[in-house]
N, C-alpha and C. Protein backbone atom coordinates (compact mmCIF):
# COMPACT_ATOMS: atom_id res chain seq x y z
N MET A 1 0.84 -1.18 0.00
CA MET A 1 0.00 0.00 0.00
C MET A 1 0.89 1.25 0.00
N ALA A 2 0.59 2.22 -0.87
CA ALA A 2 1.39 3.43 -0.96
C ALA A 2 1.25 4.24 0.33
N VAL A 3 2.33 4.90 0.70
CA VAL A 3 2.35 5.68 1.94
C VAL A 3 1.29 6.78 1.91
N ASN A 4 1.06 7.38 0.74
CA ASN A 4 0.09 8.47 0.64
C ASN A 4 -1.32 8.03 1.00
N HIS A 5 -1.59 6.74 0.91
CA HIS A 5 -2.92 6.23 1.21
C HIS A 5 -3.06 5.77 2.66
N LEU A 6 -1.97 5.78 3.39
CA LEU A 6 -2.03 5.37 4.79
C LEU A 6 -2.60 6.51 5.63
N SER A 7 -3.45 6.18 6.57
CA SER A 7 -4.03 7.21 7.45
C SER A 7 -2.96 7.74 8.41
N ASP A 8 -3.25 8.88 8.99
CA ASP A 8 -2.34 9.45 9.98
C ASP A 8 -2.12 8.48 11.13
N ASP A 9 -3.20 7.87 11.61
CA ASP A 9 -3.10 6.94 12.74
C ASP A 9 -2.21 5.74 12.41
N ILE A 10 -2.28 5.24 11.19
CA ILE A 10 -1.42 4.10 10.80
C ILE A 10 0.04 4.54 10.78
N LEU A 11 0.30 5.73 10.24
CA LEU A 11 1.68 6.23 10.22
C LEU A 11 2.21 6.41 11.64
N ILE A 12 1.36 6.90 12.54
CA ILE A 12 1.76 7.07 13.94
C ILE A 12 2.01 5.71 14.59
N THR A 13 1.11 4.78 14.36
CA THR A 13 1.28 3.44 14.90
C THR A 13 2.58 2.81 14.40
N ASN A 14 2.86 2.98 13.11
CA ASN A 14 4.11 2.45 12.54
C ASN A 14 5.32 3.09 13.21
N TYR A 15 5.25 4.42 13.44
CA TYR A 15 6.35 5.11 14.10
C TYR A 15 6.56 4.57 15.52
N LEU A 16 5.47 4.43 16.25
CA LEU A 16 5.56 3.93 17.61
C LEU A 16 6.08 2.49 17.66
N ALA A 17 5.90 1.76 16.56
CA ALA A 17 6.39 0.38 16.48
C ALA A 17 7.84 0.33 16.00
N GLY A 18 8.45 1.51 15.78
CA GLY A 18 9.87 1.55 15.43
C GLY A 18 10.16 1.95 14.00
N ASP A 19 9.16 2.23 13.19
CA ASP A 19 9.37 2.62 11.79
C ASP A 19 9.51 4.15 11.71
N GLU A 20 10.74 4.63 11.61
CA GLU A 20 11.01 6.07 11.56
C GLU A 20 10.36 6.72 10.34
N ASN A 21 10.12 5.93 9.28
CA ASN A 21 9.49 6.48 8.09
C ASN A 21 8.06 6.93 8.37
N GLY A 22 7.42 6.34 9.37
CA GLY A 22 6.05 6.74 9.72
C GLY A 22 5.98 8.21 10.06
N ILE A 23 6.87 8.68 10.93
CA ILE A 23 6.85 10.08 11.34
C ILE A 23 7.34 10.97 10.20
N LYS A 24 8.30 10.48 9.43
CA LYS A 24 8.83 11.25 8.29
C LYS A 24 7.72 11.55 7.30
N HIS A 25 6.93 10.55 6.96
CA HIS A 25 5.84 10.74 5.99
C HIS A 25 4.73 11.61 6.56
N LEU A 26 4.49 11.48 7.85
CA LEU A 26 3.47 12.31 8.49
C LEU A 26 3.88 13.78 8.45
N PHE A 27 5.13 14.06 8.73
CA PHE A 27 5.61 15.44 8.70
C PHE A 27 5.60 15.98 7.27
N LEU A 28 6.02 15.16 6.31
CA LEU A 28 5.99 15.61 4.91
C LEU A 28 4.57 15.94 4.47
N ARG A 29 3.63 15.17 4.96
CA ARG A 29 2.22 15.37 4.60
C ARG A 29 1.71 16.73 5.08
N TYR A 30 2.14 17.18 6.26
CA TYR A 30 1.55 18.38 6.88
C TYR A 30 2.53 19.54 7.07
N GLU A 31 3.77 19.36 6.68
CA GLU A 31 4.78 20.39 6.91
C GLU A 31 4.37 21.74 6.33
N ARG A 32 3.91 21.74 5.09
CA ARG A 32 3.58 23.01 4.43
C ARG A 32 2.41 23.71 5.12
N ARG A 33 1.38 22.96 5.48
CA ARG A 33 0.22 23.58 6.13
C ARG A 33 0.59 24.12 7.51
N LEU A 34 1.39 23.36 8.26
CA LEU A 34 1.82 23.84 9.57
C LEU A 34 2.69 25.09 9.42
N PHE A 35 3.63 25.03 8.49
CA PHE A 35 4.53 26.17 8.28
C PHE A 35 3.73 27.41 7.87
N THR A 36 2.79 27.25 6.95
CA THR A 36 1.98 28.38 6.50
C THR A 36 1.18 28.98 7.65
N SER A 37 0.59 28.13 8.47
CA SER A 37 -0.21 28.66 9.59
C SER A 37 0.67 29.42 10.58
N ILE A 38 1.89 28.96 10.79
CA ILE A 38 2.82 29.66 11.69
C ILE A 38 3.27 30.97 11.05
N LEU A 39 3.65 30.92 9.78
CA LEU A 39 4.17 32.09 9.08
C LEU A 39 3.12 33.20 9.00
N ILE A 40 1.87 32.83 8.80
CA ILE A 40 0.80 33.82 8.76
C ILE A 40 0.76 34.61 10.06
N LEU A 41 1.04 33.97 11.17
CA LEU A 41 0.97 34.63 12.47
C LEU A 41 2.24 35.38 12.83
N VAL A 42 3.42 34.86 12.49
CA VAL A 42 4.66 35.49 12.95
C VAL A 42 5.32 36.38 11.91
N ARG A 43 5.02 36.14 10.61
CA ARG A 43 5.52 36.98 9.52
C ARG A 43 7.03 36.98 9.35
N GLN A 44 7.73 36.08 9.95
CA GLN A 44 9.18 36.00 9.79
C GLN A 44 9.53 34.57 9.44
N ARG A 45 10.10 34.38 8.25
CA ARG A 45 10.37 33.04 7.76
C ARG A 45 11.29 32.27 8.70
N ASP A 46 12.37 32.89 9.17
CA ASP A 46 13.31 32.18 10.06
C ASP A 46 12.62 31.77 11.37
N LEU A 47 11.86 32.68 11.94
CA LEU A 47 11.14 32.37 13.17
C LEU A 47 10.11 31.27 12.92
N ALA A 48 9.41 31.34 11.80
CA ALA A 48 8.42 30.30 11.47
C ALA A 48 9.09 28.94 11.32
N GLU A 49 10.26 28.91 10.71
CA GLU A 49 10.99 27.64 10.57
C GLU A 49 11.39 27.10 11.94
N ASP A 50 11.84 27.98 12.82
CA ASP A 50 12.21 27.55 14.18
C ASP A 50 10.99 27.00 14.93
N LEU A 51 9.87 27.70 14.82
CA LEU A 51 8.66 27.26 15.52
C LEU A 51 8.12 25.97 14.91
N LEU A 52 8.28 25.79 13.61
CA LEU A 52 7.88 24.53 12.98
C LEU A 52 8.73 23.38 13.52
N GLN A 53 10.02 23.61 13.63
CA GLN A 53 10.91 22.60 14.19
C GLN A 53 10.53 22.29 15.64
N ASP A 54 10.24 23.33 16.41
CA ASP A 54 9.81 23.13 17.80
C ASP A 54 8.51 22.33 17.87
N THR A 55 7.62 22.60 16.91
CA THR A 55 6.36 21.85 16.84
C THR A 55 6.63 20.37 16.61
N PHE A 56 7.50 20.06 15.67
CA PHE A 56 7.83 18.66 15.37
C PHE A 56 8.50 17.99 16.57
N ILE A 57 9.37 18.72 17.26
CA ILE A 57 10.03 18.16 18.45
C ILE A 57 9.00 17.85 19.53
N ARG A 58 8.07 18.78 19.74
CA ARG A 58 7.04 18.56 20.75
C ARG A 58 6.15 17.36 20.38
N ILE A 59 5.84 17.22 19.10
CA ILE A 59 5.03 16.09 18.63
C ILE A 59 5.75 14.78 18.90
N ILE A 60 7.02 14.72 18.53
CA ILE A 60 7.82 13.49 18.73
C ILE A 60 7.90 13.17 20.22
N ASN A 61 8.17 14.17 21.04
CA ASN A 61 8.27 13.93 22.49
C ASN A 61 6.95 13.42 23.05
N THR A 62 5.83 13.96 22.58
CA THR A 62 4.52 13.49 23.04
C THR A 62 4.31 12.03 22.65
N PHE A 63 4.69 11.68 21.42
CA PHE A 63 4.58 10.28 20.98
C PHE A 63 5.43 9.38 21.86
N ARG A 64 6.66 9.78 22.08
CA ARG A 64 7.61 8.95 22.86
C ARG A 64 7.16 8.77 24.30
N GLN A 65 6.50 9.78 24.84
CA GLN A 65 6.01 9.70 26.22
C GLN A 65 4.71 8.93 26.31
N GLY A 66 4.16 8.56 25.16
CA GLY A 66 2.90 7.80 25.14
C GLY A 66 1.68 8.64 25.48
N ASN A 67 1.76 9.96 25.28
CA ASN A 67 0.65 10.84 25.65
C ASN A 67 -0.27 11.21 24.50
N TYR A 68 -0.01 10.69 23.29
CA TYR A 68 -0.88 11.01 22.16
C TYR A 68 -2.06 10.05 22.12
N LYS A 69 -3.25 10.61 21.92
CA LYS A 69 -4.46 9.79 21.83
C LYS A 69 -4.87 9.68 20.37
N HIS A 70 -4.94 8.45 19.85
CA HIS A 70 -5.35 8.22 18.47
C HIS A 70 -6.83 8.52 18.31
N GLU A 71 -7.13 9.66 17.74
CA GLU A 71 -8.53 10.03 17.53
C GLU A 71 -8.77 10.47 16.10
N GLY A 72 -7.80 10.24 15.21
CA GLY A 72 -7.96 10.62 13.83
C GLY A 72 -7.95 12.12 13.60
N LYS A 73 -7.33 12.88 14.52
CA LYS A 73 -7.33 14.34 14.43
C LYS A 73 -5.92 14.88 14.55
N PHE A 74 -4.98 14.25 13.90
CA PHE A 74 -3.58 14.66 14.05
C PHE A 74 -3.35 16.10 13.65
N LEU A 75 -3.84 16.51 12.47
CA LEU A 75 -3.55 17.86 11.98
C LEU A 75 -4.07 18.93 12.94
N GLY A 76 -5.29 18.80 13.42
CA GLY A 76 -5.83 19.79 14.36
C GLY A 76 -5.00 19.86 15.62
N TRP A 77 -4.57 18.69 16.09
CA TRP A 77 -3.73 18.63 17.29
C TRP A 77 -2.38 19.30 17.03
N ALA A 78 -1.78 19.01 15.87
CA ALA A 78 -0.48 19.60 15.52
C ALA A 78 -0.61 21.12 15.36
N LEU A 79 -1.71 21.58 14.76
CA LEU A 79 -1.92 23.02 14.62
C LEU A 79 -2.10 23.69 15.98
N ARG A 80 -2.75 23.02 16.91
CA ARG A 80 -2.88 23.56 18.27
C ARG A 80 -1.51 23.72 18.92
N ILE A 81 -0.66 22.72 18.74
CA ILE A 81 0.69 22.80 19.30
C ILE A 81 1.43 23.99 18.70
N SER A 82 1.38 24.12 17.38
CA SER A 82 2.11 25.22 16.73
C SER A 82 1.53 26.57 17.16
N HIS A 83 0.22 26.67 17.26
CA HIS A 83 -0.43 27.91 17.69
C HIS A 83 -0.01 28.26 19.11
N ASN A 84 0.02 27.27 20.00
CA ASN A 84 0.45 27.52 21.38
C ASN A 84 1.91 27.97 21.44
N LEU A 85 2.75 27.40 20.59
CA LEU A 85 4.16 27.82 20.56
C LEU A 85 4.29 29.26 20.07
N VAL A 86 3.45 29.65 19.10
CA VAL A 86 3.46 31.03 18.63
C VAL A 86 3.04 31.96 19.76
N ILE A 87 1.97 31.60 20.46
CA ILE A 87 1.51 32.43 21.59
C ILE A 87 2.59 32.52 22.66
N ASP A 88 3.23 31.39 22.98
CA ASP A 88 4.31 31.40 23.97
C ASP A 88 5.44 32.33 23.53
N HIS A 89 5.77 32.27 22.24
CA HIS A 89 6.84 33.13 21.72
C HIS A 89 6.48 34.60 21.94
N PHE A 90 5.24 34.98 21.58
CA PHE A 90 4.85 36.37 21.73
C PHE A 90 4.73 36.78 23.19
N ARG A 91 4.32 35.87 24.04
CA ARG A 91 4.26 36.19 25.46
C ARG A 91 5.66 36.47 26.00
N LYS A 92 6.62 35.66 25.57
CA LYS A 92 8.00 35.86 26.03
C LYS A 92 8.53 37.21 25.55
N ASN A 93 8.11 37.60 24.35
CA ASN A 93 8.57 38.87 23.79
C ASN A 93 7.60 40.01 24.10
N ASN A 94 6.53 39.67 24.84
CA ASN A 94 5.54 40.65 25.30
C ASN A 94 4.97 41.51 24.18
N ARG A 95 4.67 40.86 23.06
CA ARG A 95 4.06 41.59 21.95
C ARG A 95 3.28 40.60 21.08
N MET A 96 2.32 41.13 20.34
CA MET A 96 1.60 40.35 19.34
C MET A 96 1.76 41.07 18.02
N LYS A 97 2.12 40.35 16.98
CA LYS A 97 2.30 40.96 15.67
C LYS A 97 1.01 40.87 14.87
N MET A 98 0.83 41.85 14.05
CA MET A 98 -0.29 41.82 13.12
C MET A 98 0.17 41.09 11.86
N ILE A 99 -0.79 40.55 11.14
CA ILE A 99 -0.46 39.82 9.92
C ILE A 99 -0.43 40.80 8.76
N HIS A 100 0.72 40.91 8.12
CA HIS A 100 0.89 41.73 6.93
C HIS A 100 1.81 40.97 5.99
N ASP A 101 1.71 41.26 4.72
CA ASP A 101 2.62 40.64 3.77
C ASP A 101 4.01 41.24 3.94
N THR A 102 5.00 40.44 3.63
CA THR A 102 6.37 40.91 3.60
C THR A 102 6.93 40.56 2.24
N ASP A 103 8.15 40.98 1.97
CA ASP A 103 8.78 40.60 0.71
C ASP A 103 8.95 39.09 0.62
N GLU A 104 9.10 38.43 1.78
CA GLU A 104 9.31 36.99 1.80
C GLU A 104 8.03 36.20 1.66
N TYR A 105 6.91 36.77 2.10
CA TYR A 105 5.70 35.97 2.20
C TYR A 105 4.48 36.76 1.75
N GLN A 106 3.68 36.15 0.93
CA GLN A 106 2.41 36.71 0.51
C GLN A 106 1.33 35.79 1.06
N LEU A 107 0.34 36.35 1.74
CA LEU A 107 -0.71 35.58 2.38
C LEU A 107 -1.37 34.60 1.43
N THR A 108 -1.58 35.00 0.20
CA THR A 108 -2.30 34.15 -0.75
C THR A 108 -1.37 33.38 -1.68
N GLU A 109 -0.08 33.34 -1.40
CA GLU A 109 0.85 32.67 -2.31
C GLU A 109 0.60 31.17 -2.41
N ASN A 110 -0.02 30.59 -1.39
CA ASN A 110 -0.23 29.15 -1.39
C ASN A 110 -1.54 28.73 -2.03
N LEU A 111 -2.32 29.69 -2.52
CA LEU A 111 -3.54 29.32 -3.23
C LEU A 111 -3.17 28.72 -4.57
N LYS A 112 -3.80 27.62 -4.92
CA LYS A 112 -3.48 26.95 -6.17
C LYS A 112 -4.16 27.67 -7.33
N LEU A 113 -3.40 27.88 -8.37
CA LEU A 113 -3.94 28.48 -9.57
C LEU A 113 -3.94 27.43 -10.67
N THR A 114 -5.06 27.36 -11.40
CA THR A 114 -5.12 26.39 -12.49
C THR A 114 -4.58 27.03 -13.75
N ASP A 115 -4.29 26.25 -14.75
CA ASP A 115 -3.71 26.72 -15.99
C ASP A 115 -4.83 27.05 -16.96
N ASP A 116 -5.57 28.13 -16.70
CA ASP A 116 -6.71 28.52 -17.52
C ASP A 116 -6.32 29.55 -18.57
N GLY A 117 -5.07 29.83 -18.71
CA GLY A 117 -4.65 30.87 -19.63
C GLY A 117 -4.12 32.06 -18.87
N ILE A 118 -3.32 32.84 -19.55
CA ILE A 118 -2.63 33.96 -18.92
C ILE A 118 -3.61 35.00 -18.40
N GLU A 119 -4.63 35.34 -19.18
CA GLU A 119 -5.57 36.39 -18.75
C GLU A 119 -6.31 35.99 -17.48
N LYS A 120 -6.84 34.77 -17.44
CA LYS A 120 -7.55 34.31 -16.24
C LYS A 120 -6.60 34.23 -15.05
N ASP A 121 -5.35 33.83 -15.30
CA ASP A 121 -4.37 33.74 -14.23
C ASP A 121 -4.08 35.12 -13.64
N ILE A 122 -3.95 36.11 -14.49
CA ILE A 122 -3.70 37.48 -14.04
C ILE A 122 -4.89 38.00 -13.22
N ILE A 123 -6.10 37.74 -13.71
CA ILE A 123 -7.30 38.18 -12.99
C ILE A 123 -7.38 37.49 -11.64
N ARG A 124 -7.09 36.21 -11.62
CA ARG A 124 -7.14 35.45 -10.36
C ARG A 124 -6.10 35.98 -9.38
N LYS A 125 -4.90 36.26 -9.87
CA LYS A 125 -3.86 36.80 -8.99
C LYS A 125 -4.26 38.16 -8.43
N GLN A 126 -4.88 39.00 -9.26
CA GLN A 126 -5.32 40.30 -8.80
C GLN A 126 -6.42 40.15 -7.74
N THR A 127 -7.32 39.19 -7.96
CA THR A 127 -8.37 38.93 -6.98
C THR A 127 -7.76 38.50 -5.65
N HIS A 128 -6.78 37.61 -5.69
CA HIS A 128 -6.10 37.17 -4.47
C HIS A 128 -5.40 38.34 -3.79
N HIS A 129 -4.78 39.19 -4.58
CA HIS A 129 -4.10 40.36 -4.03
C HIS A 129 -5.11 41.28 -3.34
N ASN A 130 -6.25 41.53 -4.00
CA ASN A 130 -7.29 42.37 -3.42
C ASN A 130 -7.81 41.77 -2.12
N LEU A 131 -8.05 40.48 -2.13
CA LEU A 131 -8.55 39.80 -0.93
C LEU A 131 -7.55 39.91 0.21
N LYS A 132 -6.28 39.73 -0.10
CA LYS A 132 -5.22 39.82 0.91
C LYS A 132 -5.21 41.21 1.56
N LEU A 133 -5.35 42.24 0.76
CA LEU A 133 -5.37 43.61 1.30
C LEU A 133 -6.54 43.82 2.25
N LEU A 134 -7.70 43.28 1.87
CA LEU A 134 -8.88 43.43 2.72
C LEU A 134 -8.76 42.62 4.00
N ILE A 135 -8.22 41.40 3.91
CA ILE A 135 -8.04 40.56 5.10
C ILE A 135 -7.16 41.26 6.12
N GLU A 136 -6.12 41.96 5.64
CA GLU A 136 -5.22 42.66 6.55
C GLU A 136 -5.92 43.77 7.33
N MET A 137 -7.04 44.26 6.80
CA MET A 137 -7.77 45.35 7.47
C MET A 137 -8.70 44.85 8.57
N LEU A 138 -8.93 43.55 8.62
CA LEU A 138 -9.85 42.99 9.61
C LEU A 138 -9.21 43.01 11.00
N PRO A 139 -10.03 43.08 12.04
CA PRO A 139 -9.50 42.93 13.40
C PRO A 139 -8.82 41.56 13.55
N TYR A 140 -7.84 41.48 14.44
CA TYR A 140 -7.02 40.27 14.57
C TYR A 140 -7.86 39.01 14.76
N GLU A 141 -8.83 39.04 15.67
CA GLU A 141 -9.61 37.83 15.97
C GLU A 141 -10.39 37.34 14.76
N GLN A 142 -10.95 38.27 13.99
CA GLN A 142 -11.68 37.89 12.78
C GLN A 142 -10.73 37.34 11.72
N ARG A 143 -9.59 38.00 11.56
CA ARG A 143 -8.60 37.57 10.58
C ARG A 143 -8.08 36.17 10.93
N GLU A 144 -7.83 35.93 12.21
CA GLU A 144 -7.31 34.64 12.66
C GLU A 144 -8.27 33.51 12.32
N VAL A 145 -9.56 33.69 12.63
CA VAL A 145 -10.55 32.65 12.36
C VAL A 145 -10.70 32.44 10.86
N LEU A 146 -10.76 33.52 10.09
CA LEU A 146 -10.90 33.42 8.64
C LEU A 146 -9.73 32.64 8.02
N ILE A 147 -8.53 32.94 8.46
CA ILE A 147 -7.34 32.26 7.92
C ILE A 147 -7.34 30.78 8.29
N MET A 148 -7.65 30.49 9.55
CA MET A 148 -7.66 29.09 9.97
C MET A 148 -8.73 28.30 9.22
N ARG A 149 -9.89 28.92 9.00
CA ARG A 149 -10.99 28.22 8.35
C ARG A 149 -10.73 28.02 6.86
N HIS A 150 -10.35 29.07 6.16
CA HIS A 150 -10.23 28.98 4.71
C HIS A 150 -8.85 28.56 4.22
N TYR A 151 -7.81 29.00 4.88
CA TYR A 151 -6.47 28.64 4.43
C TYR A 151 -5.95 27.40 5.16
N GLY A 152 -6.33 27.26 6.43
CA GLY A 152 -5.91 26.09 7.19
C GLY A 152 -6.89 24.93 7.09
N GLU A 153 -8.08 25.20 6.54
CA GLU A 153 -9.13 24.19 6.35
C GLU A 153 -9.50 23.48 7.65
N LEU A 154 -9.56 24.24 8.73
CA LEU A 154 -9.92 23.67 10.03
C LEU A 154 -11.42 23.80 10.26
N SER A 155 -11.96 22.89 11.04
CA SER A 155 -13.36 22.97 11.43
C SER A 155 -13.48 24.04 12.52
N PHE A 156 -14.72 24.50 12.76
CA PHE A 156 -14.92 25.50 13.81
C PHE A 156 -14.61 24.91 15.18
N LYS A 157 -14.82 23.62 15.34
CA LYS A 157 -14.48 22.98 16.61
C LYS A 157 -12.97 23.04 16.84
N GLU A 158 -12.19 22.76 15.78
CA GLU A 158 -10.72 22.82 15.89
C GLU A 158 -10.26 24.25 16.15
N ILE A 159 -10.89 25.21 15.46
CA ILE A 159 -10.53 26.62 15.66
C ILE A 159 -10.82 27.04 17.10
N ALA A 160 -11.96 26.60 17.62
CA ALA A 160 -12.33 26.93 18.99
C ALA A 160 -11.31 26.36 19.98
N GLU A 161 -10.86 25.13 19.74
CA GLU A 161 -9.87 24.52 20.63
C GLU A 161 -8.55 25.27 20.57
N ILE A 162 -8.13 25.65 19.37
CA ILE A 162 -6.85 26.34 19.20
C ILE A 162 -6.88 27.74 19.83
N THR A 163 -7.96 28.47 19.58
CA THR A 163 -8.04 29.85 20.07
C THR A 163 -8.57 29.96 21.49
N LYS A 164 -9.00 28.82 22.05
CA LYS A 164 -9.57 28.78 23.39
C LYS A 164 -10.79 29.70 23.51
N ALA A 165 -11.58 29.71 22.44
CA ALA A 165 -12.84 30.45 22.42
C ALA A 165 -13.96 29.44 22.16
N SER A 166 -15.18 29.83 22.42
CA SER A 166 -16.28 28.91 22.16
C SER A 166 -16.52 28.79 20.65
N ILE A 167 -17.19 27.72 20.25
CA ILE A 167 -17.52 27.55 18.84
C ILE A 167 -18.40 28.70 18.37
N ASN A 168 -19.37 29.11 19.20
CA ASN A 168 -20.24 30.22 18.83
C ASN A 168 -19.47 31.51 18.64
N THR A 169 -18.46 31.74 19.48
CA THR A 169 -17.62 32.93 19.33
C THR A 169 -16.87 32.88 18.00
N CYS A 170 -16.33 31.71 17.68
CA CYS A 170 -15.59 31.55 16.41
C CYS A 170 -16.52 31.74 15.21
N LEU A 171 -17.73 31.18 15.30
CA LEU A 171 -18.71 31.37 14.23
C LEU A 171 -19.06 32.85 14.07
N GLY A 172 -19.22 33.52 15.19
CA GLY A 172 -19.52 34.96 15.16
C GLY A 172 -18.38 35.75 14.54
N ARG A 173 -17.16 35.42 14.92
CA ARG A 173 -16.00 36.13 14.35
C ARG A 173 -15.92 35.90 12.85
N MET A 174 -16.23 34.68 12.41
CA MET A 174 -16.20 34.39 10.98
C MET A 174 -17.30 35.18 10.27
N ARG A 175 -18.48 35.20 10.85
CA ARG A 175 -19.60 35.93 10.25
C ARG A 175 -19.23 37.41 10.10
N TYR A 176 -18.70 38.00 11.17
CA TYR A 176 -18.33 39.41 11.11
C TYR A 176 -17.16 39.65 10.15
N ALA A 177 -16.26 38.68 10.06
CA ALA A 177 -15.15 38.81 9.10
C ALA A 177 -15.68 38.90 7.68
N LEU A 178 -16.63 38.05 7.35
CA LEU A 178 -17.20 38.06 5.99
C LEU A 178 -18.01 39.33 5.74
N ILE A 179 -18.79 39.75 6.74
CA ILE A 179 -19.56 41.00 6.60
C ILE A 179 -18.60 42.17 6.40
N ASN A 180 -17.55 42.21 7.22
CA ASN A 180 -16.59 43.32 7.12
C ASN A 180 -15.80 43.28 5.82
N LEU A 181 -15.51 42.09 5.32
CA LEU A 181 -14.82 42.00 4.02
C LEU A 181 -15.68 42.60 2.92
N ARG A 182 -16.98 42.29 2.95
CA ARG A 182 -17.88 42.85 1.93
C ARG A 182 -17.94 44.38 2.05
N LYS A 183 -18.05 44.88 3.28
CA LYS A 183 -18.10 46.33 3.49
C LYS A 183 -16.80 46.99 3.01
N LEU A 184 -15.68 46.39 3.37
CA LEU A 184 -14.39 46.94 2.96
C LEU A 184 -14.23 46.93 1.45
N ALA A 185 -14.73 45.88 0.81
CA ALA A 185 -14.65 45.80 -0.65
C ALA A 185 -15.42 46.94 -1.30
N VAL A 186 -16.61 47.25 -0.74
CA VAL A 186 -17.41 48.35 -1.28
C VAL A 186 -16.72 49.69 -0.99
N GLU A 187 -16.26 49.87 0.26
CA GLU A 187 -15.61 51.13 0.65
C GLU A 187 -14.37 51.43 -0.19
N HIS A 188 -13.62 50.40 -0.50
CA HIS A 188 -12.35 50.60 -1.21
C HIS A 188 -12.47 50.29 -2.70
N ASN A 189 -13.72 50.08 -3.17
CA ASN A 189 -13.97 49.80 -4.57
C ASN A 189 -13.07 48.66 -5.09
N VAL A 190 -13.05 47.57 -4.30
CA VAL A 190 -12.23 46.43 -4.64
C VAL A 190 -13.13 45.30 -5.15
N GLN A 191 -12.79 44.77 -6.31
CA GLN A 191 -13.57 43.67 -6.88
C GLN A 191 -12.96 42.36 -6.41
N LEU A 192 -13.81 41.48 -5.87
CA LEU A 192 -13.35 40.20 -5.34
C LEU A 192 -13.76 39.02 -6.20
N THR A 193 -14.44 39.27 -7.30
CA THR A 193 -14.84 38.16 -8.18
C THR A 193 -14.14 38.30 -9.51
N ASN A 194 -14.15 37.21 -10.25
CA ASN A 194 -13.51 37.20 -11.56
C ASN A 194 -14.45 37.63 -12.68
N ASP A 195 -15.64 38.13 -12.33
CA ASP A 195 -16.63 38.52 -13.34
C ASP A 195 -16.16 39.74 -14.11
């Protein structure tokens, strides 16, 4: 059976049974999503790489200590660990950074573009650019939930666990984020569709 078809729990079980490839394939499967979620919050590639490494170390240590519960929710659990490490980092530095694009990172750079032709590609890139500008204008809590939901593909339950807010609070933040995005689009005469 190909490794790509193995579930997270099987890869973890294989790792715990002594197969180092189990953890290697698990990390390869989620490395980009974990890194992106960290980078969105810290905005510094070197720091994001360090926090990603710390996340992997914490995951391995949890496995080795026998404290991981197989519930088929590895990614949500790993994202919680990375989010907590980001919060710990900012607490130590006594500051919280806002999410903005840098020369190194564009919020929407990880969106997949299809090969529909140059014109459609340019329009799609402009739409992503417009969306990114509007997302940056949202309050932090709304921006955080929106990014986790749409870019991190997390459920509201997972977002609630990560942010330590209720599901209803997260749903409310998402609702207000979407309402505010529409208002901002009108205020700034920004087109968000490819029409």
